[in-house]
Amino acid sequence: MKRADEEEYRQFVAARLEPLRRTAYLLCRDWHTADDLVSITIGKLYRHWRRVRAAENVDAYVRGVLTHAWLDERRRPWRRERSVDELPDRADLNSSEPTLADREMLLDLLGQLPARRRAVIVLRFYCDLSMEETAGILGISPGTVKSQSARGLDALRALATSSSGRPSEEWA
């Protein structure tokens, strides 16, 4: 890679590292795996930087690489290990902010969705992509994105209702 290209690549990665990391976390629900996914993604970007920067929408291209890296990781047999949510010596975090509990509940509910449906929900509603952009990233039709979005939101509502015993205002 030429020096000018490398500088452009570094600036791009520096500007988008945290949003990529948060998106990866929403997909996989584990910060260590999210960091691994981001590393895989930026490695692929480095190898193919000329093609990446020539893309019509570079951010969508990068989210696609990240999403496919996550889906590839899910298929690997060694990834079938499950990490635990609670560490034995974890300090009790008493937060008076009610949105933290809502966020945790949403993350738990997202974790219960199938991988593709979770990917559609994260790309559509967290990354705020259109149906067409989401379809392009996942390699599916916009109609499939629409149906998977609807089914995913219905599943989240049902899970939210069953976990609390009553519908939440945010989910109703």
C-alpha atoms as a PDB file:
ATOM      1  CA  MET A   1       0.000   0.000   0.000  1.00  0.00           C
ATOM      2  CA  LYS A   2       1.274   3.465  -0.816  1.00  0.00           C
ATOM      3  CA  ARG A   3       2.030   5.878   1.991  1.00  0.00           C
ATOM      4  CA  ALA A   4      -0.852   8.223   1.035  1.00  0.00           C
ATOM      5  CA  ASP A   5      -3.261   5.273   0.909  1.00  0.00           C
ATOM      6  CA  GLU A   6      -2.041   4.030   4.261  1.00  0.00           C
ATOM      7  CA  GLU A   7      -2.578   7.425   5.874  1.00  0.00           C
ATOM      8  CA  GLU A   8      -6.099   7.579   4.437  1.00  0.00           C
ATOM      9  CA  TYR A   9      -6.744   4.051   5.743  1.00  0.00           C
ATOM     10  CA  ARG A  10      -5.471   4.955   9.236  1.00  0.00           C
ATOM     11  CA  GLN A  11      -7.667   8.042   9.393  1.00  0.00           C
ATOM     12  CA  PHE A  12     -10.690   6.021   8.273  1.00  0.00           C
ATOM     13  CA  VAL A  13     -10.096   3.309  10.879  1.00  0.00           C
ATOM     14  CA  ALA A  14      -9.421   5.813  13.666  1.00  0.00           C
ATOM     15  CA  ALA A  15     -12.660   7.662  12.918  1.00  0.00           C
ATOM     16  CA  ARG A  16     -14.805   4.519  12.824  1.00  0.00           C
ATOM     17  CA  LEU A  17     -13.230   2.174  15.342  1.00  0.00           C
ATOM     18  CA  GLU A  18     -15.667   2.772  18.218  1.00  0.00           C
ATOM     19  CA  PRO A  19     -18.868   2.631  16.111  1.00  0.00           C
ATOM     20  CA  LEU A  20     -17.602  -0.611  14.556  1.00  0.00           C
ATOM     21  CA  ARG A  21     -16.856  -2.007  17.996  1.00  0.00           C
ATOM     22  CA  ARG A  22     -20.326  -1.120  19.296  1.00  0.00           C
ATOM     23  CA  THR A  23     -21.978  -2.654  16.225  1.00  0.00           C
ATOM     24  CA  ALA A  24     -19.914  -5.824  16.648  1.00  0.00           C
ATOM     25  CA  TYR A  25     -20.931  -5.985  20.314  1.00  0.00           C
ATOM     26  CA  LEU A  26     -24.604  -5.730  19.437  1.00  0.00           C
ATOM     27  CA  LEU A  27     -24.167  -8.628  17.034  1.00  0.00           C
ATOM     28  CA  CYS A  28     -22.186 -10.969  19.282  1.00  0.00           C
ATOM     29  CA  ARG A  29     -22.913  -9.703  22.844  1.00  0.00           C
ATOM     30  CA  ASP A  30     -19.310 -10.159  24.001  1.00  0.00           C
ATOM     31  CA  TRP A  31     -16.725  -7.366  24.057  1.00  0.00           C
ATOM     32  CA  HIS A  32     -13.790  -9.709  23.485  1.00  0.00           C
ATOM     33  CA  THR A  33     -15.422 -11.293  20.456  1.00  0.00           C
ATOM     34  CA  ALA A  34     -16.432  -7.822  19.251  1.00  0.00           C
ATOM     35  CA  ASP A  35     -12.790  -6.745  19.420  1.00  0.00           C
ATOM     36  CA  ASP A  36     -11.797  -9.873  17.480  1.00  0.00           C
ATOM     37  CA  LEU A  37     -14.418  -9.134  14.826  1.00  0.00           C
ATOM     38  CA  VAL A  38     -13.245  -5.552  14.479  1.00  0.00           C
ATOM     39  CA  SER A  39      -9.648  -6.772  14.148  1.00  0.00           C
ATOM     40  CA  ILE A  40     -10.645  -9.204  11.424  1.00  0.00           C
ATOM     41  CA  THR A  41     -12.588  -6.464   9.676  1.00  0.00           C
ATOM     42  CA  ILE A  42      -9.829  -3.861   9.725  1.00  0.00           C
ATOM     43  CA  GLY A  43      -7.331  -6.500   8.557  1.00  0.00           C
ATOM     44  CA  LYS A  44      -9.531  -7.258   5.567  1.00  0.00           C
ATOM     45  CA  LEU A  45      -9.957  -3.546   4.929  1.00  0.00           C
ATOM     46  CA  TYR A  46      -6.200  -3.073   4.912  1.00  0.00           C
ATOM     47  CA  ARG A  47      -5.659  -5.871   2.401  1.00  0.00           C
ATOM     48  CA  HIS A  48      -8.369  -4.554   0.076  1.00  0.00           C
ATOM     49  CA  TRP A  49      -8.238  -0.814   0.787  1.00  0.00           C
ATOM     50  CA  ARG A  50      -8.270   0.268  -2.872  1.00  0.00           C
ATOM     51  CA  ARG A  51     -11.446  -1.703  -3.514  1.00  0.00           C
ATOM     52  CA  VAL A  52     -12.995  -0.485  -0.251  1.00  0.00           C
ATOM     53  CA  ARG A  53     -12.424   3.198  -0.861  1.00  0.00           C
ATOM     54  CA  ALA A  54     -13.767   2.814  -4.417  1.00  0.00           C
ATOM     55  CA  ALA A  55     -17.082   1.539  -3.021  1.00  0.00           C
ATOM     56  CA  GLU A  56     -20.087   3.785  -3.416  1.00  0.00           C
ATOM     57  CA  ASN A  57     -20.855   3.706   0.319  1.00  0.00           C
ATOM     58  CA  VAL A  58     -17.707   2.834   2.266  1.00  0.00           C
ATOM     59  CA  ASP A  59     -19.471   2.651   5.633  1.00  0.00           C
ATOM     60  CA  ALA A  60     -22.025   0.167   4.306  1.00  0.00           C
ATOM     61  CA  TYR A  61     -19.236  -1.889   2.762  1.00  0.00           C
ATOM     62  CA  VAL A  62     -17.380  -1.978   6.081  1.00  0.00           C
ATOM     63  CA  ARG A  63     -20.527  -2.943   8.020  1.00  0.00           C
ATOM     64  CA  GLY A  64     -21.021  -5.734   5.497  1.00  0.00           C
ATOM     65  CA  VAL A  65     -17.483  -7.015   6.082  1.00  0.00           C
ATOM     66  CA  LEU A  66     -18.090  -6.853   9.847  1.00  0.00           C
ATOM     67  CA  THR A  67     -21.438  -8.644   9.628  1.00  0.00           C
ATOM     68  CA  HIS A  68     -20.022 -11.394   7.420  1.00  0.00           C
ATOM     69  CA  ALA A  69     -17.057 -11.802   9.776  1.00  0.00           C
ATOM     70  CA  TRP A  70     -19.518 -12.300  12.647  1.00  0.00           C
ATOM     71  CA  LEU A  71     -21.594 -14.803  10.693  1.00  0.00           C
ATOM     72  CA  ASP A  72     -18.406 -16.701   9.768  1.00  0.00           C
ATOM     73  CA  GLU A  73     -17.342 -16.778  13.418  1.00  0.00           C
ATOM     74  CA  ARG A  74     -20.732 -18.159  14.446  1.00  0.00           C
ATOM     75  CA  ARG A  75     -20.277 -21.078  12.067  1.00  0.00           C
ATOM     76  CA  ARG A  76     -16.944 -22.138  13.562  1.00  0.00           C
ATOM     77  CA  PRO A  77     -17.196 -25.143  15.861  1.00  0.00           C
ATOM     78  CA  TRP A  78     -14.829 -23.750  18.507  1.00  0.00           C
ATOM     79  CA  ARG A  79     -17.175 -20.788  18.977  1.00  0.00           C
ATOM     80  CA  ARG A  80     -19.772 -23.053  20.559  1.00  0.00           C
ATOM     81  CA  GLU A  81     -18.352 -22.294  23.980  1.00  0.00           C
ATOM     82  CA  ARG A  82     -20.554 -19.971  25.960  1.00  0.00           C
ATOM     83  CA  SER A  83     -19.239 -17.257  28.183  1.00  0.00           C
ATOM     84  CA  VAL A  84     -21.008 -16.547  31.441  1.00  0.00           C
ATOM     85  CA  ASP A  85     -22.746 -13.275  32.099  1.00  0.00           C
ATOM     86  CA  GLU A  86     -21.725 -13.012  35.739  1.00  0.00           C
ATOM     87  CA  LEU A  87     -18.152 -13.138  36.939  1.00  0.00           C
ATOM     88  CA  PRO A  88     -17.650 -14.571  40.454  1.00  0.00           C
ATOM     89  CA  ASP A  89     -15.976 -11.485  41.951  1.00  0.00           C
ATOM     90  CA  ARG A  90     -18.002  -8.844  40.165  1.00  0.00           C
ATOM     91  CA  ALA A  91     -18.780  -5.689  42.107  1.00  0.00           C
ATOM     92  CA  ASP A  92     -22.438  -4.845  42.565  1.00  0.00           C
ATOM     93  CA  LEU A  93     -23.261  -1.959  40.276  1.00  0.00           C
ATOM     94  CA  ASN A  94     -26.111   0.003  41.782  1.00  0.00           C
ATOM     95  CA  SER A  95     -27.172   2.462  39.155  1.00  0.00           C
ATOM     96  CA  SER A  96     -30.065   4.797  39.639  1.00  0.00           C
ATOM     97  CA  GLU A  97     -30.311   5.281  35.869  1.00  0.00           C
ATOM     98  CA  PRO A  98     -33.324   3.259  34.689  1.00  0.00           C
ATOM     99  CA  THR A  99     -32.119   3.071  31.078  1.00  0.00           C
ATOM    100  CA  LEU A 100     -29.264   0.765  32.063  1.00  0.00           C
ATOM    101  CA  ALA A 101     -31.735  -1.979  32.991  1.00  0.00           C
ATOM    102  CA  ASP A 102     -33.632  -1.376  29.762  1.00  0.00           C
ATOM    103  CA  ARG A 103     -30.401  -1.618  27.794  1.00  0.00           C
ATOM    104  CA  GLU A 104     -29.432  -4.862  29.510  1.00  0.00           C
ATOM    105  CA  MET A 105     -32.883  -6.278  28.887  1.00  0.00           C
ATOM    106  CA  LEU A 106     -32.688  -5.319  25.217  1.00  0.00           C
ATOM    107  CA  LEU A 107     -29.250  -6.912  24.889  1.00  0.00           C
ATOM    108  CA  ASP A 108     -30.538 -10.094  26.534  1.00  0.00           C
ATOM    109  CA  LEU A 109     -33.532 -10.136  24.216  1.00  0.00           C
ATOM    110  CA  LEU A 110     -31.355  -9.521  21.157  1.00  0.00           C
ATOM    111  CA  GLY A 111     -29.202 -12.451  22.220  1.00  0.00           C
ATOM    112  CA  GLN A 112     -32.231 -14.730  22.000  1.00  0.00           C
ATOM    113  CA  LEU A 113     -32.894 -13.955  18.333  1.00  0.00           C
ATOM    114  CA  PRO A 114     -31.459 -16.173  15.580  1.00  0.00           C
ATOM    115  CA  ALA A 115     -28.225 -14.831  14.048  1.00  0.00           C
ATOM    116  CA  ARG A 116     -29.622 -13.583  10.722  1.00  0.00           C
ATOM    117  CA  ARG A 117     -32.659 -11.973  12.339  1.00  0.00           C
ATOM    118  CA  ARG A 118     -30.416 -10.270  14.908  1.00  0.00           C
ATOM    119  CA  ALA A 119     -28.185  -9.026  12.085  1.00  0.00           C
ATOM    120  CA  VAL A 120     -31.211  -7.522  10.308  1.00  0.00           C
ATOM    121  CA  ILE A 121     -32.428  -5.825  13.509  1.00  0.00           C
ATOM    122  CA  VAL A 122     -28.983  -4.405  14.358  1.00  0.00           C
ATOM    123  CA  LEU A 123     -28.304  -3.144  10.821  1.00  0.00           C
ATOM    124  CA  ARG A 124     -31.800  -1.700  10.340  1.00  0.00           C
ATOM    125  CA  PHE A 125     -32.394  -0.091  13.709  1.00  0.00           C
ATOM    126  CA  TYR A 126     -29.008   0.434  15.379  1.00  0.00           C
ATOM    127  CA  CYS A 127     -27.041   1.318  12.247  1.00  0.00           C
ATOM    128  CA  ASP A 128     -30.137   3.034  10.786  1.00  0.00           C
ATOM    129  CA  LEU A 129     -29.742   1.437   7.358  1.00  0.00           C
ATOM    130  CA  SER A 130     -32.473   1.252   4.771  1.00  0.00           C
ATOM    131  CA  MET A 131     -33.988  -2.057   3.748  1.00  0.00           C
ATOM    132  CA  GLU A 132     -32.015  -1.937   0.508  1.00  0.00           C
ATOM    133  CA  GLU A 133     -28.702  -1.255   2.268  1.00  0.00           C
ATOM    134  CA  THR A 134     -29.346  -4.034   4.768  1.00  0.00           C
ATOM    135  CA  ALA A 135     -30.311  -6.408   1.959  1.00  0.00           C
ATOM    136  CA  GLY A 136     -27.121  -5.547   0.084  1.00  0.00           C
ATOM    137  CA  ILE A 137     -24.928  -6.203   3.110  1.00  0.00           C
ATOM    138  CA  LEU A 138     -26.563  -9.532   3.945  1.00  0.00           C
ATOM    139  CA  GLY A 139     -27.047 -10.658   0.347  1.00  0.00           C
ATOM    140  CA  ILE A 140     -30.805 -11.093   0.680  1.00  0.00           C
ATOM    141  CA  SER A 141     -33.810  -9.402  -0.919  1.00  0.00           C
ATOM    142  CA  PRO A 142     -35.384  -6.244   0.532  1.00  0.00           C
ATOM    143  CA  GLY A 143     -38.592  -8.242   1.061  1.00  0.00           C
ATOM    144  CA  THR A 144     -36.678 -10.693   3.231  1.00  0.00           C
ATOM    145  CA  VAL A 145     -35.262  -7.791   5.229  1.00  0.00           C
ATOM    146  CA  LYS A 146     -38.766  -6.420   5.698  1.00  0.00           C
ATOM    147  CA  SER A 147     -40.185  -9.757   6.861  1.00  0.00           C
ATOM    148  CA  GLN A 148     -37.185 -10.518   9.099  1.00  0.00           C
ATOM    149  CA  SER A 149     -37.456  -7.027  10.633  1.00  0.00           C
ATOM    150  CA  ALA A 150     -41.134  -7.518  11.364  1.00  0.00           C
ATOM    151  CA  ARG A 151     -40.602 -11.005  12.780  1.00  0.00           C
ATOM    152  CA  GLY A 152     -37.624  -9.846  14.815  1.00  0.00           C
ATOM    153  CA  LEU A 153     -39.531  -6.939  16.339  1.00  0.00           C
ATOM    154  CA  ASP A 154     -42.515  -9.217  17.055  1.00  0.00           C
ATOM    155  CA  ALA A 155     -40.189 -11.712  18.731  1.00  0.00           C
ATOM    156  CA  LEU A 156     -38.561  -8.964  20.802  1.00  0.00           C
ATOM    157  CA  ARG A 157     -41.981  -7.713  21.914  1.00  0.00           C
ATOM    158  CA  ALA A 158     -43.084 -11.231  22.838  1.00  0.00           C
ATOM    159  CA  LEU A 159     -39.847 -11.923  24.699  1.00  0.00           C
ATOM    160  CA  ALA A 160     -40.094  -8.585  26.531  1.00  0.00           C
ATOM    161  CA  THR A 161     -43.654  -9.383  27.578  1.00  0.00           C
ATOM    162  CA  SER A 162     -42.809 -12.907  28.730  1.00  0.00           C
ATOM    163  CA  SER A 163     -39.681 -11.857  30.636  1.00  0.00           C
ATOM    164  CA  SER A 164     -41.402  -9.137  32.645  1.00  0.00           C
ATOM    165  CA  GLY A 165     -44.885 -10.587  32.837  1.00  0.00           C
ATOM    166  CA  ARG A 166     -46.314  -7.412  31.357  1.00  0.00           C
ATOM    167  CA  PRO A 167     -45.647  -5.368  28.216  1.00  0.00           C
ATOM    168  CA  SER A 168     -43.101  -2.609  28.622  1.00  0.00           C
ATOM    169  CA  GLU A 169     -43.971   0.892  27.404  1.00  0.00           C
ATOM    170  CA  GLU A 170     -40.973   0.850  25.058  1.00  0.00           C
ATOM    171  CA  TRP A 171     -42.052  -2.452  23.498  1.00  0.00           C
ATOM    172  CA  ALA A 172     -45.799  -1.960  23.320  1.00  0.00           C
END
